[in-house]
Amino acid sequence: MYNYTIIIPHYNIPQLLERCVASIPMRDDIQTIVVDDCSPDSPELTATVQRLKLRKNLEFYRTKLGGSAGRARNLGLDYALGKWLIFADADDFFDQSFSEKLDRYLNAEEDVIYFNFRSVRSENISQISNRESDYNKFFEQYDKNHNEDNFRFLYCTPWGKIIKRSLVENNKIRFDETRYANDAMFAVLVGCKAQSILPVDEVLYVLTERTGSLANNFCRKAGETVIRAKVALRIQKVIKDNGHIFPYDYQIYIRILLWNGEFQDLLNLYHTIADYDLTKSNILNIVRHTGRRYWLVALWLIWQDWMLLLFRRR
């Protein structure tokens, strides 16, 4: 029986994947699942996979459709057997104290244990990075007020925590299979459904910043911002539907749509905003408060609404 299942989605970075797997201790109670998300075939990848398959308790799978780390993680969940779930990105790795922390918290009563992390440059791991540094501040704030909201609703990544598999399975929690922000809803649902959590201000995970990664080109690709906006809107609705009161910031993505000039995506969101238990006035207020230069955009949205109503009446 496994105590831990570690799930690692991978796409076309075999050298970094090997680094990640090498940071996992060789223990009989750890099941390691690597899911390749349709990487292009290459001699390097083939050789890497062959070496990985020699490792004890490591399972290797491939998705049938590429383009989503969420889909890869869901496939990993289908094969997970451990008491605890742990997620890692293929370009990151675990801290040297990882094994000791697993032993210490194996029998913890909490549903989720949130750990701290450190961040480095992937190309030079001796160089410190500031990626996701806001998460580090959650532990400082928790020490002062013991408010769990930051962890439950804003620690929106699968890494950096260990999660009881029973919590995920009993509540049928799965990752979105979108190109972007596929992990945010999973993380928030885990936070919403957990009966108890434990923040531990100790490093478990080493996050890397890598040139060319999705995280390093945030909201710069066509269609990305509107996907993230829809996920954020769904999250604020899910938090409310689960009986929690927390002001999740979906507004930032509306503003990014404005800043990027992605007005057609904004219009589509405006027309479907009722799906998220909000009104068109919520969108208009965000647009107006973003700056005077966008007041014409607010008028354009209203005009588009009138035109649509006229068309339907005909």
Protein backbone atom coordinates (compact mmCIF):
# COMPACT_ATOMS: atom_id res chain seq x y z
CA MET A 1 0.00 0.00 0.00
CA TYR A 2 1.29 3.45 -0.90
CA ASN A 3 1.23 6.31 1.57
CA TYR A 4 1.94 8.91 -1.12
CA THR A 5 1.19 9.35 -4.81
CA ILE A 6 3.20 12.00 -6.64
CA ILE A 7 1.71 13.10 -9.98
CA ILE A 8 3.88 14.95 -12.51
CA PRO A 9 2.52 16.25 -15.84
CA HIS A 10 5.19 16.64 -18.50
CA TYR A 11 5.59 18.29 -21.88
CA ASN A 12 8.83 18.26 -23.83
CA ILE A 13 11.35 19.02 -21.08
CA PRO A 14 12.87 15.55 -20.45
CA GLN A 15 16.05 16.80 -18.78
CA LEU A 16 14.08 18.83 -16.25
CA LEU A 17 11.68 15.94 -15.73
CA GLU A 18 14.62 13.74 -14.75
CA ARG A 19 15.77 16.40 -12.31
CA CYS A 20 12.31 16.46 -10.75
CA VAL A 21 12.07 12.68 -10.44
CA ALA A 22 15.60 12.46 -9.03
CA SER A 23 14.49 14.71 -6.13
CA ILE A 24 11.89 12.11 -5.07
CA PRO A 25 13.26 9.74 -2.42
CA MET A 26 13.44 6.04 -3.27
CA ARG A 27 10.82 4.74 -0.85
CA ASP A 28 8.50 1.76 -1.06
CA ASP A 29 5.54 3.86 0.11
CA ILE A 30 5.78 6.41 -2.73
CA GLN A 31 4.00 5.89 -6.04
CA THR A 32 5.30 8.22 -8.75
CA ILE A 33 3.09 8.85 -11.78
CA VAL A 34 4.46 10.74 -14.79
CA VAL A 35 1.94 11.71 -17.46
CA ASP A 36 3.29 12.98 -20.76
CA ASP A 37 0.96 15.43 -22.51
CA CYS A 38 1.70 14.50 -26.13
CA SER A 39 5.32 15.63 -26.28
CA PRO A 40 6.87 15.39 -29.76
CA ASP A 41 8.86 12.19 -30.19
CA SER A 42 12.60 12.63 -29.90
CA PRO A 43 15.58 10.42 -29.09
CA GLU A 44 16.13 12.39 -25.89
CA LEU A 45 12.57 11.82 -24.70
CA THR A 46 12.72 8.12 -25.60
CA ALA A 47 15.97 7.65 -23.67
CA THR A 48 14.59 9.59 -20.68
CA VAL A 49 11.42 7.50 -20.54
CA GLN A 50 13.42 4.29 -20.71
CA ARG A 51 15.54 5.39 -17.76
CA LEU A 52 12.54 6.51 -15.75
CA LYS A 53 10.74 3.21 -16.25
CA LEU A 54 13.63 1.46 -14.52
CA ARG A 55 12.82 3.34 -11.34
CA LYS A 56 10.87 1.40 -8.74
CA ASN A 57 7.20 2.36 -8.30
CA LEU A 58 7.26 4.81 -11.22
CA GLU A 59 4.43 4.62 -13.75
CA PHE A 60 4.48 6.40 -17.10
CA TYR A 61 1.37 7.30 -19.10
CA ARG A 62 0.51 9.46 -22.11
CA THR A 63 -2.58 11.56 -22.77
CA LYS A 64 -4.47 11.00 -26.01
CA LEU A 65 -5.05 14.75 -26.53
CA GLY A 66 -2.40 17.35 -25.74
CA GLY A 67 -2.62 20.93 -24.59
CA SER A 68 -3.60 20.66 -20.94
CA ALA A 69 -1.65 19.86 -17.80
CA GLY A 70 -5.05 19.48 -16.15
CA ARG A 71 -5.90 16.57 -18.44
CA ALA A 72 -2.56 14.97 -17.63
CA ARG A 73 -3.12 15.37 -13.88
CA ASN A 74 -6.63 13.90 -14.16
CA LEU A 75 -5.19 10.84 -15.88
CA GLY A 76 -2.71 10.55 -13.05
CA LEU A 77 -5.54 10.72 -10.52
CA ASP A 78 -7.21 7.75 -12.23
CA TYR A 79 -4.19 5.61 -11.28
CA ALA A 80 -3.42 7.13 -7.87
CA LEU A 81 -3.38 4.71 -4.92
CA GLY A 82 -1.70 6.68 -2.13
CA LYS A 83 -3.26 7.96 1.07
CA TRP A 84 -1.87 11.41 0.25
CA LEU A 85 -1.66 13.17 -3.12
CA ILE A 86 1.28 15.36 -4.04
CA PHE A 87 1.64 17.28 -7.30
CA ALA A 88 4.76 18.60 -8.96
CA ASP A 89 5.48 20.37 -12.23
CA ALA A 90 8.15 18.70 -14.34
CA ASP A 91 10.45 21.74 -14.27
CA ASP A 92 10.36 22.00 -10.46
CA PHE A 93 11.72 19.67 -7.79
CA PHE A 94 11.44 18.78 -4.12
CA ASP A 95 13.52 20.13 -1.25
CA GLN A 96 16.18 17.91 0.33
CA SER A 97 14.06 17.70 3.49
CA PHE A 98 11.12 16.20 1.54
CA SER A 99 11.41 12.66 2.91
CA GLU A 100 11.68 13.81 6.52
CA LYS A 101 8.53 15.92 6.18
CA LEU A 102 6.61 13.03 4.65
CA ASP A 103 7.44 10.92 7.70
CA ARG A 104 6.49 13.66 10.12
CA TYR A 105 3.04 14.34 8.69
CA LEU A 106 2.06 10.85 7.49
CA ASN A 107 -0.60 10.45 10.19
CA ALA A 108 -1.82 14.05 10.26
CA GLU A 109 -5.54 14.39 10.86
CA GLU A 110 -5.97 17.42 8.59
CA ASP A 111 -7.26 17.03 5.02
CA VAL A 112 -4.66 19.35 3.49
CA ILE A 113 -1.22 20.43 4.67
CA TYR A 114 0.06 23.61 3.06
CA PHE A 115 3.84 24.01 3.00
CA ASN A 116 6.06 26.90 2.13
CA PHE A 117 8.47 26.75 -0.79
CA ARG A 118 11.47 28.50 -2.24
CA SER A 119 11.86 29.77 -5.78
CA VAL A 120 14.94 29.65 -8.01
CA ARG A 121 15.91 30.16 -11.62
CA SER A 122 15.61 26.89 -13.52
CA GLU A 123 18.77 27.51 -15.54
CA ASN A 124 20.77 28.27 -12.39
CA ILE A 125 19.19 26.91 -9.22
CA SER A 126 21.64 28.86 -7.05
CA GLN A 127 19.97 32.07 -8.26
CA ILE A 128 16.93 33.13 -6.23
CA SER A 129 13.66 33.97 -8.00
CA ASN A 130 10.64 35.91 -6.74
CA ARG A 131 8.03 33.81 -8.54
CA GLU A 132 4.79 33.45 -6.54
CA SER A 133 6.42 35.28 -3.62
CA ASP A 134 3.00 36.42 -2.36
CA TYR A 135 2.35 32.86 -1.20
CA ASN A 136 5.28 33.13 1.20
CA LYS A 137 3.51 36.03 2.91
CA PHE A 138 0.48 33.84 3.68
CA PHE A 139 2.46 32.10 6.41
CA GLU A 140 3.47 35.39 8.02
CA GLN A 141 -0.15 36.55 8.02
CA TYR A 142 -1.35 33.21 9.39
CA ASP A 143 1.06 33.49 12.31
CA LYS A 144 -0.58 36.80 13.20
CA ASN A 145 -4.28 36.02 12.82
CA HIS A 146 -4.68 32.26 12.09
CA ASN A 147 -7.04 33.11 9.26
CA GLU A 148 -7.09 30.20 6.78
CA ASP A 149 -8.68 32.02 3.83
CA ASN A 150 -5.45 32.76 1.98
CA PHE A 151 -4.59 29.07 1.93
CA ARG A 152 -8.05 27.80 1.11
CA PHE A 153 -8.84 30.27 -1.68
CA LEU A 154 -5.63 31.92 -2.91
CA TYR A 155 -2.99 29.18 -2.78
CA CYS A 156 -4.24 28.31 -6.27
CA THR A 157 -1.62 25.79 -7.34
CA PRO A 158 -1.55 22.02 -6.87
CA TRP A 159 2.10 22.02 -5.76
CA GLY A 160 3.35 22.99 -2.30
CA LYS A 161 0.81 20.92 -0.40
CA ILE A 162 -0.16 17.34 0.41
CA ILE A 163 -3.82 16.42 0.05
CA LYS A 164 -5.72 13.41 1.33
CA ARG A 165 -6.86 11.39 -1.66
CA SER A 166 -10.13 10.59 0.12
CA LEU A 167 -10.99 14.33 0.09
CA VAL A 168 -10.49 14.49 -3.69
CA GLU A 169 -12.28 11.22 -4.45
CA ASN A 170 -15.23 11.69 -2.08
CA ASN A 171 -15.95 15.15 -3.52
CA LYS A 172 -15.18 14.15 -7.14
CA ILE A 173 -12.68 16.99 -7.52
CA ARG A 174 -10.85 17.10 -10.82
CA PHE A 175 -8.75 19.58 -12.79
CA ASP A 176 -10.13 21.74 -15.56
CA GLU A 177 -8.82 20.57 -18.93
CA THR A 178 -8.22 24.03 -20.32
CA ARG A 179 -4.98 25.35 -21.77
CA TYR A 180 -4.59 27.92 -18.98
CA ALA A 181 -5.54 28.11 -15.28
CA ASN A 182 -6.45 24.42 -15.25
CA ASP A 183 -5.27 24.04 -11.64
CA ALA A 184 -7.00 26.99 -9.97
CA MET A 185 -10.47 25.48 -9.61
CA PHE A 186 -9.01 22.22 -8.29
CA ALA A 187 -7.03 24.07 -5.62
CA VAL A 188 -10.00 26.19 -4.53
CA LEU A 189 -12.39 23.22 -4.40
CA VAL A 190 -9.88 21.39 -2.21
CA GLY A 191 -9.81 24.46 0.04
CA CYS A 192 -13.61 24.72 0.10
CA LYS A 193 -14.22 21.04 0.87
CA ALA A 194 -11.46 20.44 3.43
CA GLN A 195 -12.82 20.05 6.95
CA SER A 196 -9.48 21.04 8.43
CA ILE A 197 -6.15 22.28 7.10
CA LEU A 198 -2.67 22.80 8.50
CA PRO A 199 -0.31 25.53 7.27
CA VAL A 200 3.34 24.62 7.91
CA ASP A 201 5.94 27.33 7.39
CA GLU A 202 8.63 24.93 6.20
CA VAL A 203 9.98 24.45 2.68
CA LEU A 204 8.75 21.32 0.92
CA TYR A 205 9.00 22.29 -2.73
CA VAL A 206 11.37 24.19 -4.99
CA LEU A 207 9.57 26.28 -7.61
CA THR A 208 11.53 27.32 -10.66
CA GLU A 209 11.23 30.26 -13.02
CA ARG A 210 11.95 29.25 -16.58
CA THR A 211 12.17 31.44 -19.67
CA GLY A 212 9.45 30.48 -22.14
CA SER A 213 7.17 28.75 -19.64
CA LEU A 214 3.44 29.49 -19.48
CA ALA A 215 3.86 31.21 -16.11
CA ASN A 216 6.61 33.41 -17.50
CA ASN A 217 4.37 34.79 -20.28
CA PHE A 218 1.28 35.50 -18.21
CA CYS A 219 -1.79 36.71 -20.19
CA ARG A 220 0.22 37.51 -23.32
CA LYS A 221 -1.22 34.89 -25.66
CA ALA A 222 -4.40 35.14 -27.72
CA GLY A 223 -7.39 33.80 -25.84
CA GLU A 224 -5.51 33.28 -22.58
CA THR A 225 -6.96 36.15 -20.56
CA VAL A 226 -10.60 35.34 -21.28
CA ILE A 227 -10.02 31.70 -20.23
CA ARG A 228 -8.46 32.89 -16.98
CA ALA A 229 -11.31 35.36 -16.51
CA LYS A 230 -13.94 32.63 -16.86
CA VAL A 231 -12.09 30.40 -14.42
CA ALA A 232 -11.87 33.26 -11.90
CA LEU A 233 -15.59 33.98 -12.27
CA ARG A 234 -16.42 30.33 -11.72
CA ILE A 235 -14.20 30.27 -8.66
CA GLN A 236 -15.89 33.24 -6.99
CA LYS A 237 -19.25 31.51 -7.62
CA VAL A 238 -18.00 28.18 -6.22
CA ILE A 239 -16.68 29.86 -3.07
CA LYS A 240 -20.08 31.44 -2.51
CA ASP A 241 -21.99 28.25 -3.36
CA ASN A 242 -19.95 26.35 -0.76
CA GLY A 243 -21.03 28.76 1.96
CA HIS A 244 -17.83 30.78 2.26
CA ILE A 245 -17.48 34.56 2.22
CA PHE A 246 -14.33 35.65 0.43
CA PRO A 247 -13.81 38.47 -2.11
CA TYR A 248 -12.06 36.51 -4.88
CA ASP A 249 -10.50 38.93 -7.35
CA TYR A 250 -11.92 38.17 -10.79
CA GLN A 251 -11.86 41.89 -11.66
CA ILE A 252 -8.17 41.88 -12.53
CA TYR A 253 -8.83 39.77 -15.62
CA ILE A 254 -11.50 42.18 -16.84
CA ARG A 255 -8.92 44.92 -16.55
CA ILE A 256 -6.30 42.88 -18.39
CA LEU A 257 -8.77 42.35 -21.23
CA LEU A 258 -9.07 46.13 -21.41
CA TRP A 259 -5.35 46.76 -21.19
CA ASN A 260 -4.69 44.18 -23.92
CA GLY A 261 -7.43 45.58 -26.15
CA GLU A 262 -9.24 42.23 -26.24
CA PHE A 263 -12.64 43.87 -26.57
CA GLN A 264 -14.43 41.06 -28.42
CA ASP A 265 -13.56 38.62 -25.65
CA LEU A 266 -14.77 41.19 -23.14
CA LEU A 267 -18.05 41.51 -25.06
CA ASN A 268 -18.59 37.75 -25.05
CA LEU A 269 -17.97 37.68 -21.30
CA TYR A 270 -20.34 40.63 -20.83
CA HIS A 271 -23.14 38.75 -22.60
CA THR A 272 -22.71 35.62 -20.46
CA ILE A 273 -22.00 37.22 -17.10
CA ALA A 274 -25.33 36.01 -15.65
CA ASP A 275 -23.92 32.46 -15.74
CA TYR A 276 -21.70 33.51 -12.83
CA ASP A 277 -24.46 35.08 -10.71
CA LEU A 278 -23.30 38.58 -11.65
CA THR A 279 -24.89 41.33 -13.71
CA LYS A 280 -23.74 43.37 -16.66
CA SER A 281 -23.54 46.33 -14.29
CA ASN A 282 -20.70 44.56 -12.48
CA ILE A 283 -18.70 44.50 -15.73
CA LEU A 284 -19.57 48.08 -16.63
CA ASN A 285 -18.47 49.34 -13.22
CA ILE A 286 -15.11 47.58 -13.54
CA VAL A 287 -14.61 49.07 -17.01
CA ARG A 288 -15.47 52.58 -15.86
CA HIS A 289 -13.26 52.39 -12.77
CA THR A 290 -10.30 51.13 -14.80
CA GLY A 291 -9.87 54.63 -16.20
CA ARG A 292 -11.56 57.37 -18.21
CA ARG A 293 -9.94 56.16 -21.39
CA TYR A 294 -12.19 53.07 -21.18
CA TRP A 295 -15.50 54.88 -20.74
CA LEU A 296 -16.07 54.60 -24.47
CA VAL A 297 -15.65 50.85 -24.13
CA ALA A 298 -18.44 50.82 -21.54
CA LEU A 299 -20.68 52.75 -23.95
CA TRP A 300 -19.73 50.34 -26.72
CA LEU A 301 -20.78 47.38 -24.58
CA ILE A 302 -24.14 49.01 -23.85
CA TRP A 303 -24.61 49.84 -27.53
CA GLN A 304 -23.82 46.25 -28.52
CA ASP A 305 -26.45 45.11 -26.03
CA TRP A 306 -29.08 47.38 -27.56
CA MET A 307 -28.23 46.20 -31.05
CA LEU A 308 -28.59 42.59 -29.97
CA LEU A 309 -31.99 43.28 -28.41
CA LEU A 310 -33.18 45.03 -31.56
CA PHE A 311 -32.01 42.12 -33.69
CA ARG A 312 -33.88 39.62 -31.51
CA ARG A 313 -37.10 41.64 -31.68
CA ARG A 314 -36.98 41.51 -35.45
